Structure formats: structure tokens, C-alpha cells
């Protein structure tokens, strides 16, 4: 597998997202709290462009100790990307669906070296380039 330089760390805002296409594969690259995460831009539900959806904090139910709902609130420490086709939500840090663990975005290896951001595509995609 070969690595592909997709830009400098400084070229990514924080938080940010960039969807790129290399060797016929679209990859969503996210920067969040100084860390980078990358996933194939394909929803495991029906193949929609999951990485191109809205980015929003996870919505939680605020429940008191006596089990009464206080309404919905946004999580303070979890941002999700929401597939624009059917609303499936995925945690940007893990790629996991927020409620159904069997649904996950396919991770793409990402690393930083010398101020540059590199991704490594799976072997099957390199054969098509």
C-alpha cells in the first residue's frame, strides 16, 4: 500500500471536513480537536455519501434522576456526520452508528508526518489507479 499526501495540517480548519477522490474512491477526511479521521464516503446502509452530510452534535435526551424528560440537548463532546440519504448518524471519532453498532463507516488509515496529512487506501483501490 502506498500513502498519498492530501495536504498540510495547516490547510485543514478545526473542525473541518474534506471529501477527496483518489483511484475511484471517495474519502472523507475530518479534523476534530486536532486529530484526523478518515472514512470511505459510502454509507453502510445503502451506499449514500455519508461523509458529505451535515455535521452536528449528537442529540441526547436529558433525563432527571427521577426519570422525567427535560427535553433534548446537544452532546458537548460528540460530533456526528449524518448521511444525507436517510439520516444515519455516525460518530466522527469512531465511525460507528450512534445506535446500531453493526453499521460503521469503513475507516481509511490517516497519519501526520512533518506537518503533512497522509492517507493509505486499501489495496483493492490501488489496483484501479
C-alpha atoms as a PDB file:
ATOM      1  CA  UNK A   1       0.000   0.000   0.000  1.00  0.00           C
ATOM      2  CA  UNK A   2       1.222   3.473  -0.780  1.00  0.00           C
ATOM      3  CA  UNK A   3       0.454   6.639   1.068  1.00  0.00           C
ATOM      4  CA  UNK A   4      -0.993   9.730  -0.545  1.00  0.00           C
ATOM      5  CA  UNK A   5      -0.245  13.236   0.690  1.00  0.00           C
ATOM      6  CA  UNK A   6      -3.552  15.124   0.815  1.00  0.00           C
ATOM      7  CA  UNK A   7      -2.247  18.435   2.148  1.00  0.00           C
ATOM      8  CA  UNK A   8      -0.783  20.136   5.146  1.00  0.00           C
ATOM      9  CA  UNK A   9      -2.238  20.049   8.633  1.00  0.00           C
ATOM     10  CA  UNK A  10      -2.486  23.854   8.445  1.00  0.00           C
ATOM     11  CA  UNK A  11      -4.731  23.600   5.365  1.00  0.00           C
ATOM     12  CA  UNK A  12      -7.466  21.929   7.465  1.00  0.00           C
ATOM     13  CA  UNK A  13      -9.562  24.100   9.766  1.00  0.00           C
ATOM     14  CA  UNK A  14     -10.506  22.596  13.127  1.00  0.00           C
ATOM     15  CA  UNK A  15     -13.169  21.296  12.993  1.00  0.00           C
ATOM     16  CA  UNK A  16     -13.363  20.595   9.285  1.00  0.00           C
ATOM     17  CA  UNK A  17     -14.126  18.046   6.619  1.00  0.00           C
ATOM     18  CA  UNK A  18     -12.732  17.462   3.159  1.00  0.00           C
ATOM     19  CA  UNK A  19     -14.005  14.848   0.702  1.00  0.00           C
ATOM     20  CA  UNK A  20     -11.442  13.801  -1.879  1.00  0.00           C
ATOM     21  CA  UNK A  21     -11.427  11.225  -4.676  1.00  0.00           C
ATOM     22  CA  UNK A  22      -8.381   9.086  -5.344  1.00  0.00           C
ATOM     23  CA  UNK A  23      -8.219   5.963  -7.536  1.00  0.00           C
ATOM     24  CA  UNK A  24     -12.019   5.939  -7.885  1.00  0.00           C
ATOM     25  CA  UNK A  25     -12.603   6.009  -4.126  1.00  0.00           C
ATOM     26  CA  UNK A  26     -14.076   8.965  -2.277  1.00  0.00           C
ATOM     27  CA  UNK A  27     -12.673   9.553   1.202  1.00  0.00           C
ATOM     28  CA  UNK A  28     -13.990  11.898   3.866  1.00  0.00           C
ATOM     29  CA  UNK A  29     -11.182  13.370   5.971  1.00  0.00           C
ATOM     30  CA  UNK A  30     -12.171  15.086   9.205  1.00  0.00           C
ATOM     31  CA  UNK A  31     -10.159  17.203  11.622  1.00  0.00           C
ATOM     32  CA  UNK A  32     -11.637  17.400  15.092  1.00  0.00           C
ATOM     33  CA  UNK A  33      -9.889  18.714  18.211  1.00  0.00           C
ATOM     34  CA  UNK A  34      -6.509  18.440  16.484  1.00  0.00           C
ATOM     35  CA  UNK A  35      -6.998  14.790  15.477  1.00  0.00           C
ATOM     36  CA  UNK A  36      -7.621  13.428  11.971  1.00  0.00           C
ATOM     37  CA  UNK A  37     -10.110  10.719  10.992  1.00  0.00           C
ATOM     38  CA  UNK A  38     -10.792   9.332   7.508  1.00  0.00           C
ATOM     39  CA  UNK A  39     -13.549   7.098   6.143  1.00  0.00           C
ATOM     40  CA  UNK A  40     -14.739   5.799   2.820  1.00  0.00           C
ATOM     41  CA  UNK A  41     -17.529   8.139   1.684  1.00  0.00           C
ATOM     42  CA  UNK A  42     -20.060   5.327   1.498  1.00  0.00           C
ATOM     43  CA  UNK A  43     -22.853   4.740   3.996  1.00  0.00           C
ATOM     44  CA  UNK A  44     -23.089   1.073   5.053  1.00  0.00           C
ATOM     45  CA  UNK A  45     -26.892   1.370   4.936  1.00  0.00           C
ATOM     46  CA  UNK A  46     -27.495   1.941   1.207  1.00  0.00           C
ATOM     47  CA  UNK A  47     -24.256   3.402  -0.129  1.00  0.00           C
ATOM     48  CA  UNK A  48     -25.078   7.098   0.230  1.00  0.00           C
ATOM     49  CA  UNK A  49     -22.372   9.786   0.520  1.00  0.00           C
ATOM     50  CA  UNK A  50     -22.241   9.643   4.322  1.00  0.00           C
ATOM     51  CA  UNK A  51     -19.200  11.902   4.735  1.00  0.00           C
ATOM     52  CA  UNK A  52     -20.893  14.714   2.832  1.00  0.00           C
ATOM     53  CA  UNK A  53     -23.796  15.069   5.253  1.00  0.00           C
ATOM     54  CA  UNK A  54     -24.382  17.657   7.929  1.00  0.00           C
ATOM     55  CA  UNK A  55     -22.086  17.707  10.925  1.00  0.00           C
ATOM     56  CA  UNK A  56     -23.992  18.193  14.171  1.00  0.00           C
ATOM     57  CA  UNK A  57     -23.574  17.373  17.850  1.00  0.00           C
ATOM     58  CA  UNK A  58     -25.278  14.168  18.909  1.00  0.00           C
ATOM     59  CA  UNK A  59     -28.807  14.738  20.211  1.00  0.00           C
ATOM     60  CA  UNK A  60     -29.465  13.263  23.663  1.00  0.00           C
ATOM     61  CA  UNK A  61     -32.491  13.035  25.921  1.00  0.00           C
ATOM     62  CA  UNK A  62     -31.961  14.984  29.165  1.00  0.00           C
ATOM     63  CA  UNK A  63     -33.456  12.750  31.871  1.00  0.00           C
ATOM     64  CA  UNK A  64     -33.562  13.661  35.562  1.00  0.00           C
ATOM     65  CA  UNK A  65     -32.774  11.200  38.363  1.00  0.00           C
ATOM     66  CA  UNK A  66     -36.496  10.544  38.794  1.00  0.00           C
ATOM     67  CA  UNK A  67     -36.691   9.545  35.097  1.00  0.00           C
ATOM     68  CA  UNK A  68     -38.508  12.642  33.813  1.00  0.00           C
ATOM     69  CA  UNK A  69     -37.573  14.035  30.448  1.00  0.00           C
ATOM     70  CA  UNK A  70     -36.293  17.592  30.355  1.00  0.00           C
ATOM     71  CA  UNK A  71     -36.223  17.588  26.560  1.00  0.00           C
ATOM     72  CA  UNK A  72     -33.443  17.104  24.093  1.00  0.00           C
ATOM     73  CA  UNK A  73     -29.963  18.569  24.330  1.00  0.00           C
ATOM     74  CA  UNK A  74     -26.840  18.513  22.205  1.00  0.00           C
ATOM     75  CA  UNK A  75     -23.885  16.445  23.440  1.00  0.00           C
ATOM     76  CA  UNK A  76     -20.899  18.578  24.367  1.00  0.00           C
ATOM     77  CA  UNK A  77     -18.239  16.071  23.327  1.00  0.00           C
ATOM     78  CA  UNK A  78     -19.564  14.162  20.311  1.00  0.00           C
ATOM     79  CA  UNK A  79     -19.938  15.405  16.750  1.00  0.00           C
ATOM     80  CA  UNK A  80     -21.696  13.230  14.207  1.00  0.00           C
ATOM     81  CA  UNK A  81     -21.843  13.242  10.438  1.00  0.00           C
ATOM     82  CA  UNK A  82     -25.328  12.490   9.126  1.00  0.00           C
ATOM     83  CA  UNK A  83     -25.780  10.640   5.840  1.00  0.00           C
ATOM     84  CA  UNK A  84     -27.884  12.887   3.589  1.00  0.00           C
ATOM     85  CA  UNK A  85     -29.835   9.998   2.077  1.00  0.00           C
ATOM     86  CA  UNK A  86     -31.587   8.515   5.134  1.00  0.00           C
ATOM     87  CA  UNK A  87     -30.239  10.311   8.196  1.00  0.00           C
ATOM     88  CA  UNK A  88     -27.944   7.599   9.559  1.00  0.00           C
ATOM     89  CA  UNK A  89     -25.662   9.261  12.135  1.00  0.00           C
ATOM     90  CA  UNK A  90     -22.037   8.293  12.643  1.00  0.00           C
ATOM     91  CA  UNK A  91     -19.615   9.400  15.369  1.00  0.00           C
ATOM     92  CA  UNK A  92     -16.767  11.198  13.607  1.00  0.00           C
ATOM     93  CA  UNK A  93     -14.166   9.847  16.049  1.00  0.00           C
ATOM     94  CA  UNK A  94     -15.131   6.178  15.709  1.00  0.00           C
ATOM     95  CA  UNK A  95     -17.145   5.861  12.508  1.00  0.00           C
ATOM     96  CA  UNK A  96     -19.787   3.945  14.489  1.00  0.00           C
ATOM     97  CA  UNK A  97     -23.519   4.469  14.030  1.00  0.00           C
ATOM     98  CA  UNK A  98     -24.884   6.112  17.155  1.00  0.00           C
ATOM     99  CA  UNK A  99     -27.467   3.388  17.895  1.00  0.00           C
ATOM    100  CA  UNK A 100     -26.763   0.293  15.787  1.00  0.00           C
ATOM    101  CA  UNK A 101     -23.139  -0.897  16.215  1.00  0.00           C
ATOM    102  CA  UNK A 102     -23.228  -3.184  13.150  1.00  0.00           C
ATOM    103  CA  UNK A 103     -23.341  -0.052  10.962  1.00  0.00           C
ATOM    104  CA  UNK A 104     -19.906   1.590  10.741  1.00  0.00           C
ATOM    105  CA  UNK A 105     -18.143   3.767   8.256  1.00  0.00           C
ATOM    106  CA  UNK A 106     -15.183   1.979   6.677  1.00  0.00           C
ATOM    107  CA  UNK A 107     -12.018   3.573   8.094  1.00  0.00           C
ATOM    108  CA  UNK A 108      -9.131   4.757   5.931  1.00  0.00           C
ATOM    109  CA  UNK A 109      -5.695   4.961   7.532  1.00  0.00           C
ATOM    110  CA  UNK A 110      -4.596   8.548   8.153  1.00  0.00           C
ATOM    111  CA  UNK A 111      -1.375   9.811   9.685  1.00  0.00           C
ATOM    112  CA  UNK A 112       0.545  13.031  10.150  1.00  0.00           C
ATOM    113  CA  UNK A 113       4.246  13.483   9.447  1.00  0.00           C
ATOM    114  CA  UNK A 114       6.253  16.664   9.151  1.00  0.00           C
ATOM    115  CA  UNK A 115       3.130  18.805   9.061  1.00  0.00           C
ATOM    116  CA  UNK A 116       1.581  16.821   6.189  1.00  0.00           C
ATOM    117  CA  UNK A 117      -1.532  14.619   6.178  1.00  0.00           C
ATOM    118  CA  UNK A 118      -1.282  11.199   4.511  1.00  0.00           C
ATOM    119  CA  UNK A 119      -3.956   8.595   3.831  1.00  0.00           C
ATOM    120  CA  UNK A 120      -3.478   4.991   2.765  1.00  0.00           C
ATOM    121  CA  UNK A 121      -6.118   3.479   0.508  1.00  0.00           C
ATOM    122  CA  UNK A 122      -6.974  -0.207   0.774  1.00  0.00           C
ATOM    123  CA  UNK A 123      -5.111  -2.416  -1.755  1.00  0.00           C
ATOM    124  CA  UNK A 124      -8.220  -3.072  -3.847  1.00  0.00           C
ATOM    125  CA  UNK A 125      -8.458   0.646  -4.675  1.00  0.00           C
ATOM    126  CA  UNK A 126      -4.789   0.968  -5.591  1.00  0.00           C
ATOM    127  CA  UNK A 127      -5.196  -1.635  -8.329  1.00  0.00           C
ATOM    128  CA  UNK A 128      -7.686   0.615 -10.133  1.00  0.00           C
ATOM    129  CA  UNK A 129      -5.449   3.675 -10.277  1.00  0.00           C
END
